[in-house]
């Protein structure tokens, strides 16, 4: 008898794992903020999980996919809880790896924005609806995190790093590519768009203008 070979890891499965890594990174960022705010364990877990799955829950609600994916596939919740527990237990050490966490955060932002846009297209939303859904899928969890923690949402003032703008651009890329390529390829195009924009903005090559009114 021939030995059964393990199934090959498909690109789709790889993206699913990257999605989980993004959820883990979102949970770390939310939970670390809770630790800095001196929340107790329950508060840190709530803040981390809301940050991790909030954007996806908004995406699924806007595109008619109920209950949200994190309730249908509990691996997302496990990843969110893991990130939150790690942040609570090893917050001081993890803070030293903020750059690495930021890289995973960018990957999560890209995947959520692209999947949100694709879901909106499949649901039949118009161009603006697709871009809005993709953007809010990526940044929704962070906005909820900041509001719960009584902070001004970072997406409102981080002009030196494209974040919400990158998510919106990634969603637009999915919309533009969708008529010409497969849905999976359009999603990959959106992911790459977000990652590239995040990379060039972190290097200071592009930012958004700011208007200042006289005092």
Protein backbone atom coordinates (compact mmCIF):
# COMPACT_ATOMS: atom_id res chain seq x y z
CA UNK A 1 0.00 0.00 0.00
CA UNK A 2 1.18 3.46 -0.82
CA UNK A 3 1.63 5.84 2.05
CA UNK A 4 -0.91 8.59 2.17
CA UNK A 5 0.80 11.85 1.40
CA UNK A 6 -0.27 14.96 3.32
CA UNK A 7 -2.40 17.28 1.23
CA UNK A 8 -0.50 20.13 -0.39
CA UNK A 9 -0.91 23.50 1.22
CA UNK A 10 -2.92 25.58 -1.22
CA UNK A 11 -2.50 29.30 -1.66
CA UNK A 12 -6.04 29.77 -0.31
CA UNK A 13 -5.10 27.85 2.85
CA UNK A 14 -1.97 29.98 3.11
CA UNK A 15 -4.05 33.15 2.98
CA UNK A 16 -6.30 31.72 5.69
CA UNK A 17 -3.25 31.27 7.93
CA UNK A 18 -2.08 34.79 7.12
CA UNK A 19 -5.57 35.96 8.03
CA UNK A 20 -5.21 34.26 11.41
CA UNK A 21 -1.81 35.89 11.86
CA UNK A 22 -3.44 39.24 11.12
CA UNK A 23 -6.11 38.52 13.73
CA UNK A 24 -3.36 37.62 16.21
CA UNK A 25 -1.53 40.88 15.45
CA UNK A 26 -4.72 42.94 15.80
CA UNK A 27 -5.38 41.23 19.14
CA UNK A 28 -1.84 42.01 20.31
CA UNK A 29 -2.19 45.69 19.40
CA UNK A 30 -5.55 45.99 21.15
CA UNK A 31 -4.51 44.06 24.23
CA UNK A 32 -1.23 45.96 24.57
CA UNK A 33 -3.20 49.19 24.63
CA UNK A 34 -5.33 47.67 27.40
CA UNK A 35 -2.20 46.76 29.35
CA UNK A 36 -0.85 50.31 28.95
CA UNK A 37 -4.21 51.62 30.20
CA UNK A 38 -3.93 49.26 33.21
CA UNK A 39 -7.05 47.27 32.34
CA UNK A 40 -7.57 44.05 34.28
CA UNK A 41 -7.34 40.64 32.59
CA UNK A 42 -10.96 40.64 31.46
CA UNK A 43 -10.65 44.15 30.06
CA UNK A 44 -7.49 43.24 28.15
CA UNK A 45 -9.16 40.13 26.69
CA UNK A 46 -12.21 42.12 25.61
CA UNK A 47 -10.15 44.89 24.04
CA UNK A 48 -7.88 42.44 22.22
CA UNK A 49 -10.74 40.33 20.86
CA UNK A 50 -12.82 43.32 19.79
CA UNK A 51 -9.83 44.73 17.93
CA UNK A 52 -9.14 41.40 16.25
CA UNK A 53 -12.64 40.48 15.05
CA UNK A 54 -14.45 43.82 15.04
CA UNK A 55 -13.58 44.74 11.46
CA UNK A 56 -14.48 41.29 10.16
CA UNK A 57 -17.80 41.37 12.01
CA UNK A 58 -18.63 44.71 10.40
CA UNK A 59 -17.63 43.32 7.00
CA UNK A 60 -19.84 40.25 7.37
CA UNK A 61 -22.78 42.33 8.58
CA UNK A 62 -22.51 44.75 5.65
CA UNK A 63 -22.29 41.91 3.12
CA UNK A 64 -25.12 39.82 4.56
CA UNK A 65 -22.95 37.00 5.94
CA UNK A 66 -24.53 36.20 9.26
CA UNK A 67 -23.56 35.06 11.77
CA UNK A 68 -20.09 36.64 11.33
CA UNK A 69 -17.22 34.42 10.26
CA UNK A 70 -15.51 34.46 13.66
CA UNK A 71 -18.60 32.74 15.11
CA UNK A 72 -18.74 30.17 12.30
CA UNK A 73 -14.99 29.46 12.43
CA UNK A 74 -13.80 29.67 16.01
CA UNK A 75 -10.15 29.52 14.98
CA UNK A 76 -10.40 33.32 14.66
CA UNK A 77 -11.55 33.60 18.26
CA UNK A 78 -8.80 31.28 19.45
CA UNK A 79 -6.22 33.43 17.64
CA UNK A 80 -7.71 36.58 19.18
CA UNK A 81 -7.67 35.08 22.68
CA UNK A 82 -4.10 33.84 22.21
CA UNK A 83 -2.88 37.28 21.19
CA UNK A 84 -4.68 38.90 24.12
CA UNK A 85 -3.28 36.44 26.67
CA UNK A 86 0.25 36.86 25.28
CA UNK A 87 -0.04 40.63 25.53
CA UNK A 88 -1.27 40.43 29.13
CA UNK A 89 1.39 37.95 30.20
CA UNK A 90 4.38 39.26 28.26
CA UNK A 91 3.42 42.87 27.50
CA UNK A 92 6.79 44.37 28.41
CA UNK A 93 8.73 41.92 26.24
CA UNK A 94 6.32 42.11 23.31
CA UNK A 95 6.52 45.90 23.29
CA UNK A 96 10.14 45.49 22.12
CA UNK A 97 8.89 43.74 18.98
CA UNK A 98 6.46 46.48 18.01
CA UNK A 99 7.94 46.67 14.51
CA UNK A 100 7.32 42.96 13.86
CA UNK A 101 3.78 43.26 15.23
CA UNK A 102 3.25 46.22 12.91
CA UNK A 103 4.24 44.07 9.92
CA UNK A 104 1.67 41.43 10.85
CA UNK A 105 -0.84 44.21 11.48
CA UNK A 106 -0.30 45.44 7.91
CA UNK A 107 -0.85 41.90 6.61
CA UNK A 108 -4.10 41.66 8.54
CA UNK A 109 -5.20 45.08 7.30
CA UNK A 110 -4.53 44.04 3.70
CA UNK A 111 -6.33 40.71 3.94
CA UNK A 112 -9.36 42.15 5.72
CA UNK A 113 -9.66 45.06 3.29
CA UNK A 114 -9.42 42.79 0.25
CA UNK A 115 -11.84 40.18 1.60
CA UNK A 116 -14.29 42.91 2.60
CA UNK A 117 -14.20 44.39 -0.89
CA UNK A 118 -14.70 40.99 -2.51
CA UNK A 119 -17.62 40.24 -0.23
CA UNK A 120 -19.19 43.59 -1.08
CA UNK A 121 -18.82 42.88 -4.82
CA UNK A 122 -20.45 39.48 -4.43
CA UNK A 123 -23.26 41.10 -2.45
CA UNK A 124 -23.90 43.53 -5.32
CA UNK A 125 -22.84 46.82 -3.74
CA UNK A 126 -21.83 49.77 -5.90
CA UNK A 127 -18.27 51.11 -6.25
CA UNK A 128 -18.43 53.41 -3.23
CA UNK A 129 -20.03 50.66 -1.16
CA UNK A 130 -17.24 48.26 -2.11
CA UNK A 131 -14.49 50.73 -1.17
CA UNK A 132 -16.22 51.69 2.09
CA UNK A 133 -16.81 48.06 3.09
CA UNK A 134 -13.21 47.11 2.34
CA UNK A 135 -11.81 50.06 4.27
CA UNK A 136 -14.03 49.60 7.31
CA UNK A 137 -13.25 45.87 7.33
CA UNK A 138 -9.58 46.70 7.76
CA UNK A 139 -9.78 49.54 10.26
CA UNK A 140 -13.08 48.86 12.05
CA UNK A 141 -11.55 46.85 14.88
CA UNK A 142 -8.94 49.53 15.58
CA UNK A 143 -11.58 52.26 15.68
CA UNK A 144 -13.68 50.27 18.17
CA UNK A 145 -10.52 49.59 20.23
CA UNK A 146 -9.64 53.27 20.49
CA UNK A 147 -13.19 54.32 21.35
CA UNK A 148 -13.43 51.73 24.14
CA UNK A 149 -10.04 52.85 25.47
CA UNK A 150 -11.14 56.52 25.34
CA UNK A 151 -8.59 57.40 22.65
CA UNK A 152 -8.96 59.41 19.44
CA UNK A 153 -8.99 56.73 16.69
CA UNK A 154 -5.51 56.56 15.19
CA UNK A 155 -6.85 56.44 11.63
CA UNK A 156 -7.97 60.06 12.07
CA UNK A 157 -4.52 61.55 12.59
CA UNK A 158 -1.80 59.14 11.38
CA UNK A 159 -1.13 61.17 8.25
CA UNK A 160 2.50 60.11 8.17
CA UNK A 161 1.48 56.47 7.63
CA UNK A 162 -1.24 55.55 5.17
CA UNK A 163 -3.58 53.19 7.00
CA UNK A 164 -7.26 53.68 6.27
CA UNK A 165 -6.26 55.20 2.93
CA UNK A 166 -4.23 52.09 2.12
CA UNK A 167 -7.18 49.88 3.02
CA UNK A 168 -9.49 51.92 0.76
CA UNK A 169 -6.95 51.75 -2.08
CA UNK A 170 -6.71 47.98 -1.68
CA UNK A 171 -10.48 47.69 -1.85
CA UNK A 172 -10.50 49.82 -5.00
CA UNK A 173 -7.83 47.57 -6.53
CA UNK A 174 -10.05 44.54 -5.94
CA UNK A 175 -12.94 46.39 -7.58
CA UNK A 176 -10.83 47.41 -10.59
CA UNK A 177 -9.34 43.94 -11.14
CA UNK A 178 -12.48 41.89 -10.52
CA UNK A 179 -13.96 42.08 -14.08
CA UNK A 180 -10.70 40.89 -15.68
CA UNK A 181 -9.26 38.20 -13.40
CA UNK A 182 -10.48 35.52 -11.03
CA UNK A 183 -11.88 36.62 -7.64
CA UNK A 184 -8.85 35.09 -5.93
CA UNK A 185 -6.45 37.03 -8.16
CA UNK A 186 -8.34 40.28 -7.57
CA UNK A 187 -8.08 39.68 -3.83
CA UNK A 188 -4.33 39.13 -4.13
CA UNK A 189 -4.05 42.38 -6.09
CA UNK A 190 -5.84 44.23 -3.32
CA UNK A 191 -3.59 42.68 -0.67
CA UNK A 192 -0.44 43.69 -2.54
CA UNK A 193 -1.76 47.23 -3.04
CA UNK A 194 -2.26 47.71 0.70
CA UNK A 195 1.13 46.24 1.59
CA UNK A 196 2.98 48.38 -0.96
CA UNK A 197 1.23 51.58 0.15
CA UNK A 198 1.94 50.81 3.80
CA UNK A 199 5.59 50.14 2.98
CA UNK A 200 6.20 53.36 1.05
CA UNK A 201 4.32 55.48 3.61
CA UNK A 202 6.32 54.03 6.51
CA UNK A 203 9.44 55.15 4.68
CA UNK A 204 8.09 58.70 4.50
CA UNK A 205 7.72 58.76 0.73
CA UNK A 206 4.04 59.71 0.76
CA UNK A 207 1.58 61.14 3.28
CA UNK A 208 -1.71 62.98 3.39
CA UNK A 209 -2.01 66.78 3.50
CA UNK A 210 -3.18 68.53 6.65
CA UNK A 211 -4.95 71.90 6.80
CA UNK A 212 -4.38 74.24 9.73
CA UNK A 213 -6.76 77.05 10.55
CA UNK A 214 -5.44 80.24 12.15
CA UNK A 215 -5.79 80.43 15.92
